[in-house]
N, C-alpha and C. Protein backbone atom coordinates (compact mmCIF):
# COMPACT_ATOMS: atom_id res chain seq x y z
N UNK A 1 0.81 -1.27 0.10
CA UNK A 1 0.13 -0.04 -0.09
C UNK A 1 1.09 1.32 -0.08
N UNK A 2 2.04 1.22 0.70
CA UNK A 2 2.74 2.35 0.84
C UNK A 2 3.34 2.67 -0.56
N UNK A 3 3.81 1.82 -1.32
CA UNK A 3 4.15 1.99 -2.95
C UNK A 3 3.14 2.53 -3.71
N UNK A 4 1.98 2.03 -3.40
CA UNK A 4 0.67 2.66 -4.15
C UNK A 4 0.68 4.11 -3.91
N UNK A 5 0.76 4.63 -2.57
CA UNK A 5 0.76 5.96 -2.40
C UNK A 5 1.92 6.72 -2.90
N UNK A 6 3.06 6.16 -2.80
CA UNK A 6 4.30 6.77 -3.30
C UNK A 6 4.50 6.94 -4.72
N UNK A 7 3.76 6.07 -5.50
CA UNK A 7 3.82 6.24 -6.96
C UNK A 7 2.75 7.25 -7.37
N UNK A 8 1.65 7.59 -6.63
CA UNK A 8 0.50 8.54 -6.93
C UNK A 8 1.46 9.69 -6.44
N UNK A 9 2.30 9.94 -5.45
CA UNK A 9 2.58 11.19 -5.13
C UNK A 9 3.71 11.58 -6.15
N UNK A 10 4.62 10.58 -6.64
CA UNK A 10 5.60 10.93 -7.54
C UNK A 10 4.97 11.28 -8.84
N UNK A 11 3.87 10.78 -9.46
CA UNK A 11 3.28 11.36 -10.47
C UNK A 11 2.71 12.73 -10.31
N UNK A 12 2.15 12.90 -8.96
CA UNK A 12 1.67 14.29 -8.67
C UNK A 12 2.65 15.14 -8.80
N UNK A 13 4.02 14.80 -8.49
CA UNK A 13 5.15 15.81 -9.00
C UNK A 13 5.70 15.70 -10.26
N UNK A 14 5.67 14.61 -10.89
CA UNK A 14 6.49 14.52 -12.16
C UNK A 14 5.79 15.16 -13.34
N UNK A 15 4.38 14.88 -13.42
CA UNK A 15 3.64 15.35 -14.53
C UNK A 15 3.50 16.83 -14.51
N UNK A 16 3.43 17.50 -13.43
CA UNK A 16 3.26 18.88 -13.49
C UNK A 16 4.78 19.55 -13.91
N UNK A 17 5.79 19.17 -13.39
CA UNK A 17 7.02 19.34 -13.81
C UNK A 17 7.00 19.24 -15.34
N UNK A 18 6.61 18.11 -16.05
CA UNK A 18 6.68 18.05 -17.40
C UNK A 18 5.75 19.12 -17.97
N UNK A 19 4.60 19.21 -17.51
CA UNK A 19 3.77 20.36 -18.21
C UNK A 19 4.56 21.66 -17.92
N UNK A 20 5.24 21.98 -17.00
CA UNK A 20 5.92 23.31 -16.88
C UNK A 20 7.14 23.46 -17.59
N UNK A 21 7.92 22.22 -17.79
CA UNK A 21 9.13 22.03 -18.62
C UNK A 21 8.55 22.60 -20.25
N UNK A 22 7.64 21.95 -20.38
CA UNK A 22 7.20 21.94 -22.02
C UNK A 22 6.93 23.29 -22.27
N UNK A 23 5.98 23.97 -21.25
CA UNK A 23 5.62 25.41 -21.53
C UNK A 23 6.95 26.52 -21.56
N UNK A 24 7.91 26.15 -20.59
CA UNK A 24 9.09 26.92 -20.54
C UNK A 24 9.85 26.86 -21.91
N UNK A 25 9.75 25.69 -22.42
CA UNK A 25 10.55 25.45 -23.58
C UNK A 25 9.83 26.21 -24.68
N UNK A 26 8.47 26.09 -24.86
CA UNK A 26 7.60 26.95 -25.82
C UNK A 26 8.07 28.52 -25.65
N UNK A 27 8.11 28.82 -24.46
CA UNK A 27 8.44 30.40 -24.23
C UNK A 27 9.71 30.75 -24.15
N UNK A 28 10.68 29.83 -24.41
CA UNK A 28 12.05 30.05 -24.77
C UNK A 28 12.92 30.47 -23.62
N UNK A 29 12.40 29.81 -22.40
CA UNK A 29 12.98 29.98 -21.07
C UNK A 29 13.83 28.83 -20.71
N UNK A 30 14.85 28.46 -21.40
CA UNK A 30 15.80 27.41 -21.61
C UNK A 30 16.46 26.93 -20.29
N UNK A 31 16.79 27.81 -19.38
CA UNK A 31 17.18 27.34 -18.13
C UNK A 31 16.41 26.80 -17.18
N UNK A 32 15.16 27.48 -17.07
CA UNK A 32 14.13 26.65 -16.13
C UNK A 32 13.64 25.40 -16.83
N UNK A 33 13.44 25.38 -18.16
CA UNK A 33 13.02 24.32 -18.88
C UNK A 33 14.32 23.12 -18.40
N UNK A 34 15.48 23.32 -18.67
CA UNK A 34 16.31 22.31 -18.40
C UNK A 34 16.50 21.93 -16.78
N UNK A 35 16.29 22.84 -15.85
CA UNK A 35 16.17 22.43 -14.55
C UNK A 35 14.88 21.67 -14.25
N UNK A 36 13.78 21.92 -14.97
CA UNK A 36 12.68 21.08 -14.41
C UNK A 36 12.82 19.87 -15.29
N UNK A 37 13.35 19.70 -16.43
CA UNK A 37 13.75 18.50 -17.26
C UNK A 37 14.50 17.58 -16.07
N UNK A 38 15.64 17.98 -15.79
CA UNK A 38 16.54 17.28 -14.78
C UNK A 38 15.79 16.72 -13.47
N UNK A 39 14.91 17.52 -12.74
CA UNK A 39 14.17 17.00 -11.68
C UNK A 39 12.98 15.93 -12.32
N UNK A 40 12.28 16.28 -13.43
CA UNK A 40 11.47 15.33 -13.88
C UNK A 40 12.16 13.88 -14.28
N UNK A 41 13.10 13.86 -14.87
CA UNK A 41 13.81 12.62 -15.20
C UNK A 41 14.35 11.82 -13.86
N UNK A 42 14.61 12.30 -12.64
CA UNK A 42 14.81 11.68 -11.56
C UNK A 42 13.70 11.10 -11.09
N UNK A 43 12.67 12.04 -11.03
CA UNK A 43 11.36 11.58 -10.40
C UNK A 43 10.65 10.23 -11.50
N UNK A 44 10.80 10.53 -12.69
CA UNK A 44 10.24 9.37 -13.62
C UNK A 44 11.09 8.06 -13.43
N UNK A 45 12.24 8.22 -13.37
CA UNK A 45 13.11 6.79 -13.23
C UNK A 45 12.76 6.21 -11.80
N UNK A 46 12.59 6.77 -10.84
CA UNK A 46 12.35 6.55 -9.53
C UNK A 46 10.90 5.97 -9.57
N UNK A 47 9.94 6.82 -10.10
CA UNK A 47 8.55 6.05 -10.25
C UNK A 47 8.33 4.89 -10.98
N UNK A 48 8.81 4.79 -12.23
CA UNK A 48 9.05 3.63 -12.84
C UNK A 48 9.64 2.42 -12.24
N UNK A 49 10.66 2.61 -11.47
CA UNK A 49 11.45 1.55 -10.66
C UNK A 49 10.37 0.88 -9.84
N UNK A 50 9.48 1.75 -9.10
CA UNK A 50 8.44 1.42 -8.07
C UNK A 50 7.51 0.52 -8.57
N UNK A 51 7.04 1.05 -10.00
CA UNK A 51 5.93 0.20 -10.66
C UNK A 51 6.49 -0.95 -11.16
N UNK A 52 7.68 -1.24 -11.64
CA UNK A 52 8.21 -2.53 -12.15
C UNK A 52 9.01 -3.22 -11.21
N UNK A 53 8.93 -2.77 -10.17
CA UNK A 53 9.86 -3.38 -9.14
C UNK A 53 8.98 -4.61 -8.43
N UNK A 54 9.27 -5.89 -8.00
CA UNK A 54 8.67 -6.76 -7.35
C UNK A 54 7.47 -7.25 -8.16
N UNK A 55 6.28 -7.40 -7.37
CA UNK A 55 5.21 -8.21 -8.14
C UNK A 55 4.43 -7.48 -9.20
N UNK A 56 4.93 -6.35 -9.68
CA UNK A 56 4.18 -5.77 -10.78
C UNK A 56 2.67 -5.96 -11.01
N UNK A 57 2.05 -5.72 -9.96
CA UNK A 57 0.61 -5.81 -10.21
C UNK A 57 -0.11 -4.39 -10.68
N UNK A 58 -1.40 -5.15 -11.17
CA UNK A 58 -1.95 -4.10 -12.11
C UNK A 58 -2.42 -2.80 -11.50
N UNK A 59 -2.56 -2.97 -10.09
CA UNK A 59 -3.21 -2.04 -9.41
C UNK A 59 -1.97 -0.72 -9.27
N UNK A 60 -0.79 -1.06 -9.49
CA UNK A 60 0.39 -0.34 -9.42
C UNK A 60 0.35 0.69 -10.77
N UNK A 61 0.20 -0.32 -11.92
CA UNK A 61 0.12 0.31 -13.10
C UNK A 61 -1.29 1.27 -13.38
N UNK A 62 -2.19 0.81 -12.85
CA UNK A 62 -3.49 1.86 -13.00
C UNK A 62 -3.03 3.14 -12.06
N UNK A 63 -2.58 2.83 -11.02
CA UNK A 63 -2.53 4.00 -10.09
C UNK A 63 -1.24 4.91 -10.76
N UNK A 64 -0.27 4.42 -11.46
CA UNK A 64 0.65 5.22 -12.22
C UNK A 64 -0.04 6.07 -13.30
N UNK A 65 -0.95 5.47 -14.08
CA UNK A 65 -1.78 6.24 -15.02
C UNK A 65 -2.76 7.22 -14.61
N UNK A 66 -3.34 6.81 -13.45
CA UNK A 66 -4.26 8.01 -12.89
C UNK A 66 -3.45 9.07 -12.20
N UNK A 67 -2.46 8.75 -11.51
CA UNK A 67 -1.45 9.78 -11.29
C UNK A 67 -0.98 10.80 -12.24
N UNK A 68 -0.80 10.14 -13.59
CA UNK A 68 -0.39 10.59 -14.69
C UNK A 68 -1.45 11.59 -15.08
N UNK A 69 -2.87 11.37 -15.30
CA UNK A 69 -4.06 12.11 -15.38
C UNK A 69 -4.21 13.07 -14.61
N UNK A 70 -4.11 12.89 -13.26
CA UNK A 70 -4.30 14.08 -12.15
C UNK A 70 -2.93 14.96 -12.20
N UNK A 71 -1.91 14.54 -12.37
CA UNK A 71 -0.61 15.43 -12.67
C UNK A 71 -0.84 16.46 -13.73
N UNK A 72 -1.48 15.92 -15.01
CA UNK A 72 -1.65 16.88 -16.01
C UNK A 72 -2.48 17.88 -15.55
N UNK A 73 -3.76 17.49 -14.64
CA UNK A 73 -4.69 18.62 -14.24
C UNK A 73 -3.96 19.66 -13.37
N UNK A 74 -3.19 19.09 -12.27
CA UNK A 74 -2.50 19.99 -11.65
C UNK A 74 -1.54 20.73 -12.30
N UNK A 75 -0.74 20.22 -13.37
CA UNK A 75 -0.02 21.18 -14.11
C UNK A 75 -0.40 22.23 -14.64
N UNK A 76 -1.62 21.98 -15.39
CA UNK A 76 -2.32 23.04 -15.91
C UNK A 76 -2.81 23.95 -14.97
N UNK A 77 -3.34 23.62 -14.06
CA UNK A 77 -3.64 24.56 -13.08
C UNK A 77 -2.65 25.39 -12.56
N UNK A 78 -1.67 24.71 -12.26
CA UNK A 78 -0.31 25.65 -11.73
C UNK A 78 0.09 26.62 -12.96
N UNK A 79 0.06 26.22 -14.01
CA UNK A 79 0.52 26.99 -15.10
C UNK A 79 -0.44 28.39 -15.22
N UNK A 80 -1.77 27.99 -15.04
CA UNK A 80 -2.63 28.90 -15.19
C UNK A 80 -2.37 30.10 -14.21
N UNK A 81 -2.17 29.66 -12.91
CA UNK A 81 -1.86 30.63 -11.86
C UNK A 81 -0.73 31.38 -12.00
N UNK A 82 0.50 30.66 -12.59
CA UNK A 82 1.52 31.60 -12.91
C UNK A 82 1.35 32.48 -13.81
N UNK A 83 0.63 32.08 -14.94
CA UNK A 83 0.20 33.01 -15.99
C UNK A 83 1.51 33.52 -16.64
N UNK A 84 2.35 32.81 -17.15
CA UNK A 84 3.59 33.18 -17.88
C UNK A 84 3.43 33.69 -19.23
N UNK A 85 3.96 34.84 -19.50
CA UNK A 85 3.82 35.35 -20.68
C UNK A 85 2.88 36.41 -20.98
N UNK A 86 2.52 36.83 -22.12
CA UNK A 86 1.69 38.01 -22.61
C UNK A 86 0.59 37.27 -23.50
N UNK A 87 -0.41 38.04 -23.58
CA UNK A 87 -1.69 38.07 -24.58
C UNK A 87 -2.03 39.16 -25.27
N UNK A 88 -2.33 38.95 -26.62
CA UNK A 88 -2.71 40.04 -27.41
C UNK A 88 -4.28 39.85 -27.52
N UNK A 89 -4.78 40.78 -27.32
CA UNK A 89 -6.42 40.96 -27.28
C UNK A 89 -6.87 41.87 -28.35
N UNK A 90 -7.62 41.21 -29.20
CA UNK A 90 -8.43 41.93 -30.30
C UNK A 90 -9.88 42.03 -29.94
N UNK A 91 -10.29 43.27 -29.81
CA UNK A 91 -11.75 43.47 -29.40
C UNK A 91 -12.59 43.96 -30.59
N UNK A 92 -13.36 43.56 -31.22
CA UNK A 92 -14.10 44.16 -32.34
C UNK A 92 -15.35 44.72 -31.74
N UNK A 93 -15.51 46.02 -32.03
CA UNK A 93 -16.74 46.77 -31.64
C UNK A 93 -17.54 47.28 -32.69
N UNK A 94 -18.93 47.43 -32.46
CA UNK A 94 -19.84 48.22 -33.48
C UNK A 94 -19.61 49.44 -33.58
N UNK A 95 -19.48 50.06 -32.42
CA UNK A 95 -19.40 51.63 -32.10
C UNK A 95 -18.00 51.79 -31.39
N UNK A 96 -17.53 52.82 -31.82
CA UNK A 96 -16.22 53.45 -31.04
C UNK A 96 -16.44 53.87 -29.74
N UNK A 97 -16.09 53.01 -28.74
CA UNK A 97 -16.61 53.09 -27.25
C UNK A 97 -15.51 53.93 -26.75
N UNK A 98 -15.50 55.13 -26.74
CA UNK A 98 -14.41 56.12 -26.21
C UNK A 98 -14.44 55.93 -24.74
N UNK A 99 -15.40 55.69 -24.04
CA UNK A 99 -15.32 55.33 -22.51
C UNK A 99 -14.66 54.56 -22.20
N UNK A 100 -14.90 52.97 -22.95
CA UNK A 100 -13.95 51.82 -22.77
C UNK A 100 -12.56 52.11 -23.04
N UNK A 101 -12.22 52.68 -24.04
CA UNK A 101 -10.70 52.87 -24.37
C UNK A 101 -10.01 53.78 -23.38
N UNK A 102 -10.79 55.00 -22.71
CA UNK A 102 -10.18 55.76 -21.97
C UNK A 102 -10.09 54.85 -20.46
N UNK A 103 -10.87 54.15 -20.33
CA UNK A 103 -10.96 53.24 -19.07
C UNK A 103 -9.82 52.40 -18.92
N UNK A 104 -9.84 51.95 -20.26
CA UNK A 104 -8.48 50.88 -20.21
C UNK A 104 -7.12 51.47 -20.16
N UNK A 105 -7.18 52.74 -20.71
CA UNK A 105 -5.71 53.36 -20.84
C UNK A 105 -5.65 53.84 -19.32
N UNK A 106 -6.55 54.20 -18.59
CA UNK A 106 -6.34 54.62 -17.12
C UNK A 106 -6.15 53.52 -16.22
N UNK A 107 -6.67 52.23 -16.74
CA UNK A 107 -6.18 51.21 -15.85
C UNK A 107 -4.78 50.40 -16.46
N UNK A 108 -3.88 51.24 -17.35
CA UNK A 108 -2.68 50.86 -17.53
C UNK A 108 -2.58 49.94 -18.78
N UNK A 109 -3.33 49.77 -19.46
CA UNK A 109 -3.36 49.04 -20.87
C UNK A 109 -2.97 49.78 -22.01
N UNK A 110 -2.32 49.28 -22.94
CA UNK A 110 -2.03 50.18 -24.28
C UNK A 110 -3.02 49.63 -25.14
N UNK A 111 -3.64 50.61 -25.51
CA UNK A 111 -4.83 50.33 -26.48
C UNK A 111 -4.73 51.06 -27.83
N UNK A 112 -4.62 50.28 -29.00
CA UNK A 112 -4.63 50.92 -30.38
C UNK A 112 -5.97 50.65 -31.00
N UNK A 113 -6.42 51.66 -31.73
CA UNK A 113 -7.97 51.58 -32.29
C UNK A 113 -7.70 51.56 -33.69
N UNK A 114 -8.60 50.69 -34.44
CA UNK A 114 -8.42 50.81 -35.90
C UNK A 114 -9.84 50.83 -36.18
N UNK A 115 -10.07 51.56 -37.43
CA UNK A 115 -11.51 51.51 -38.09
C UNK A 115 -11.37 50.63 -39.22
N UNK A 116 -12.33 49.94 -39.36
CA UNK A 116 -12.65 49.00 -40.59
C UNK A 116 -13.84 48.89 -41.05
N UNK A 117 -14.05 48.17 -42.18
CA UNK A 117 -15.21 47.81 -42.95
C UNK A 117 -15.79 46.57 -42.61
N UNK A 118 -16.77 46.59 -41.99
CA UNK A 118 -17.25 44.97 -41.69
C UNK A 118 -18.28 44.57 -42.84
N UNK A 119 -19.19 43.60 -42.48
CA UNK A 119 -20.16 43.26 -43.69
C UNK A 119 -21.23 44.25 -43.78
N UNK A 120 -21.67 44.51 -42.55
CA UNK A 120 -23.00 45.56 -42.70
C UNK A 120 -22.59 47.14 -42.20
N UNK A 121 -21.41 47.13 -41.69
CA UNK A 121 -21.20 48.66 -41.34
C UNK A 121 -19.59 48.85 -40.73
N UNK A 122 -19.39 49.91 -40.51
CA UNK A 122 -18.15 50.42 -39.93
C UNK A 122 -17.68 49.50 -38.53
N UNK A 123 -16.63 49.07 -38.40
CA UNK A 123 -16.29 48.46 -36.91
C UNK A 123 -15.06 48.98 -36.52
N UNK A 124 -14.80 48.88 -35.34
CA UNK A 124 -13.51 49.35 -34.68
C UNK A 124 -13.03 48.16 -33.86
N UNK A 125 -11.68 48.13 -34.03
CA UNK A 125 -10.92 47.03 -33.43
C UNK A 125 -10.07 47.50 -32.54
N UNK A 126 -9.93 47.19 -31.11
CA UNK A 126 -9.14 47.58 -30.25
C UNK A 126 -8.05 46.55 -30.26
N UNK A 127 -6.77 46.91 -30.24
CA UNK A 127 -5.66 45.83 -30.04
C UNK A 127 -5.02 46.30 -28.73
N UNK A 128 -4.71 45.21 -28.04
CA UNK A 128 -4.20 45.46 -26.64
C UNK A 128 -3.25 44.34 -26.31
N UNK A 129 -2.26 44.59 -25.87
CA UNK A 129 -1.00 43.52 -25.50
C UNK A 129 -1.07 43.76 -23.91
N UNK A 130 -1.25 42.78 -23.11
CA UNK A 130 -1.24 42.73 -21.77
C UNK A 130 -0.20 41.33 -21.24
N UNK A 131 -0.06 41.45 -19.94
CA UNK A 131 0.36 40.18 -19.39
C UNK A 131 -0.62 39.22 -19.27
N UNK A 132 -0.31 38.05 -19.12
CA UNK A 132 -1.32 36.90 -18.78
C UNK A 132 -2.26 37.11 -17.89
N UNK A 133 -1.50 37.45 -16.90
CA UNK A 133 -1.95 37.68 -15.39
C UNK A 133 -3.02 38.68 -15.33
N UNK A 134 -3.12 39.54 -16.24
CA UNK A 134 -4.20 40.68 -16.49
C UNK A 134 -5.34 40.24 -17.27
N UNK A 135 -5.23 39.25 -18.11
CA UNK A 135 -6.09 38.81 -19.33
C UNK A 135 -7.52 38.62 -18.76
N UNK A 136 -7.68 38.06 -17.71
CA UNK A 136 -9.13 38.02 -17.02
C UNK A 136 -9.82 39.30 -16.74
N UNK A 137 -8.90 40.04 -16.02
CA UNK A 137 -9.08 41.37 -15.50
C UNK A 137 -9.67 42.37 -17.06
N UNK A 138 -8.89 42.18 -18.00
CA UNK A 138 -9.12 43.11 -19.17
C UNK A 138 -10.47 42.68 -19.95
N UNK A 139 -10.58 41.24 -19.85
CA UNK A 139 -11.86 40.70 -20.51
C UNK A 139 -13.06 41.06 -19.87
N UNK A 140 -13.00 41.38 -18.55
CA UNK A 140 -13.98 41.68 -17.53
C UNK A 140 -14.38 43.06 -18.02
N UNK A 141 -13.34 43.99 -18.09
CA UNK A 141 -13.61 45.43 -18.36
C UNK A 141 -14.51 45.60 -19.66
N UNK A 142 -13.89 44.75 -20.59
CA UNK A 142 -14.39 44.77 -22.10
C UNK A 142 -15.79 44.26 -21.99
N UNK A 143 -16.14 43.17 -21.45
CA UNK A 143 -17.54 42.78 -21.17
C UNK A 143 -18.43 43.64 -20.41
N UNK A 144 -17.83 44.45 -19.52
CA UNK A 144 -18.54 45.20 -18.72
C UNK A 144 -19.10 46.53 -19.60
N UNK A 145 -18.16 46.99 -20.39
CA UNK A 145 -18.50 48.18 -21.22
C UNK A 145 -19.10 48.06 -22.46
N UNK A 146 -18.83 46.85 -22.98
CA UNK A 146 -19.26 46.36 -24.49
C UNK A 146 -19.45 44.95 -24.46
N UNK A 147 -20.54 44.47 -24.00
CA UNK A 147 -20.81 42.99 -24.05
C UNK A 147 -20.96 42.41 -25.00
N UNK A 148 -21.44 43.16 -26.38
CA UNK A 148 -21.42 42.74 -27.64
C UNK A 148 -20.13 42.46 -28.66
N UNK A 149 -19.20 42.89 -27.98
CA UNK A 149 -17.72 42.80 -28.44
C UNK A 149 -17.25 41.37 -28.93
N UNK A 150 -16.79 41.18 -29.83
CA UNK A 150 -16.23 40.04 -30.52
C UNK A 150 -14.81 39.99 -30.04
N UNK A 151 -14.34 39.21 -29.48
CA UNK A 151 -13.00 39.12 -28.75
C UNK A 151 -11.99 37.90 -29.35
N UNK A 152 -10.82 38.12 -29.68
CA UNK A 152 -10.11 37.17 -30.09
C UNK A 152 -8.53 37.37 -29.19
N UNK A 153 -8.07 36.24 -28.65
CA UNK A 153 -7.07 36.31 -27.80
C UNK A 153 -5.94 35.41 -28.54
N UNK A 154 -4.73 36.08 -28.56
CA UNK A 154 -3.57 35.47 -29.35
C UNK A 154 -2.35 35.42 -28.20
N UNK A 155 -1.63 34.53 -28.38
CA UNK A 155 -0.24 34.56 -27.23
C UNK A 155 0.89 34.87 -28.21
N UNK A 156 1.34 35.97 -28.11
CA UNK A 156 2.76 36.29 -28.88
C UNK A 156 3.96 35.78 -28.17
N UNK A 157 4.76 35.35 -29.05
CA UNK A 157 6.08 34.93 -28.58
C UNK A 157 7.13 36.08 -28.33
N UNK A 158 7.19 37.00 -29.32
CA UNK A 158 8.21 37.85 -29.40
C UNK A 158 7.69 39.18 -29.83
N UNK A 159 8.14 40.27 -29.08
CA UNK A 159 7.62 41.72 -29.45
C UNK A 159 8.75 42.64 -29.18
N UNK A 160 8.82 43.82 -29.55
CA UNK A 160 9.63 44.77 -29.63
C UNK A 160 8.97 46.17 -29.59
N UNK A 161 9.44 46.85 -28.61
CA UNK A 161 9.02 48.52 -28.49
C UNK A 161 7.42 48.51 -27.99
N UNK A 162 6.91 49.71 -28.01
CA UNK A 162 5.66 50.00 -27.75
C UNK A 162 5.27 50.22 -26.30
N UNK A 163 4.09 50.66 -25.99
CA UNK A 163 3.62 51.08 -24.57
C UNK A 163 3.92 50.13 -23.50
N UNK A 164 3.69 48.96 -23.53
CA UNK A 164 3.97 47.95 -22.68
C UNK A 164 5.47 47.73 -22.43
N UNK A 165 6.27 47.66 -23.36
CA UNK A 165 7.84 47.44 -23.09
C UNK A 165 8.32 48.66 -22.28
N UNK A 166 7.80 49.85 -22.56
CA UNK A 166 8.14 51.12 -22.08
C UNK A 166 7.71 51.26 -20.72
N UNK A 167 6.46 50.87 -20.54
CA UNK A 167 6.03 50.87 -19.06
C UNK A 167 6.58 49.85 -18.20
N UNK A 168 6.99 48.64 -18.64
CA UNK A 168 7.84 47.51 -18.11
C UNK A 168 9.11 48.19 -17.61
N UNK A 169 9.92 48.73 -18.60
CA UNK A 169 11.02 49.31 -18.07
C UNK A 169 11.27 50.55 -17.08
N UNK A 170 10.28 51.16 -16.94
CA UNK A 170 10.10 52.13 -16.10
C UNK A 170 9.68 51.64 -14.81
N UNK A 171 9.11 50.43 -14.83
CA UNK A 171 8.72 49.77 -13.38
C UNK A 171 9.79 48.78 -13.00
N UNK A 172 10.96 48.66 -13.97
CA UNK A 172 11.98 47.71 -13.77
C UNK A 172 11.52 46.00 -13.65
N UNK A 173 10.51 45.95 -14.65
CA UNK A 173 10.28 44.57 -14.62
C UNK A 173 11.39 43.98 -15.85
N UNK A 174 12.03 44.76 -16.72
CA UNK A 174 12.77 44.07 -17.65
C UNK A 174 14.20 44.16 -17.26
């Protein structure tokens, strides 16, 4: 029974590390990715040794698989809480909503406004780059001021210059 609990606990450490290592690699954070890869491989080998050691019963293997699934859930949850990186939000509006634009700028968001031609009328597109940790806050504000806005979210990997970079340098984030 002790081995079963240990296998589950190891999977609950291993798989979130696997998830975070993958995310760090995608976000070009090589040092953290290699650190998590090292820890991940130690736990992986130790966990497999427990599963294949001794009687190799089906319960150990099932617990290993259940732990993997739970670990993916935990890893995704941790990554969402860390909110690493940036989000680019495009909000398409039926009307130019100066109140929303001014409010977002007062809250520290850089907003660029474009006017375009939609199928039935003129549309206004707000382009906003923000930290992922502020994405939910931003979406709440847009929904509050313009619940009919069509919103698309992208995750940019690289950018240079602009309001966000300047404001981060002033706050010593970079």
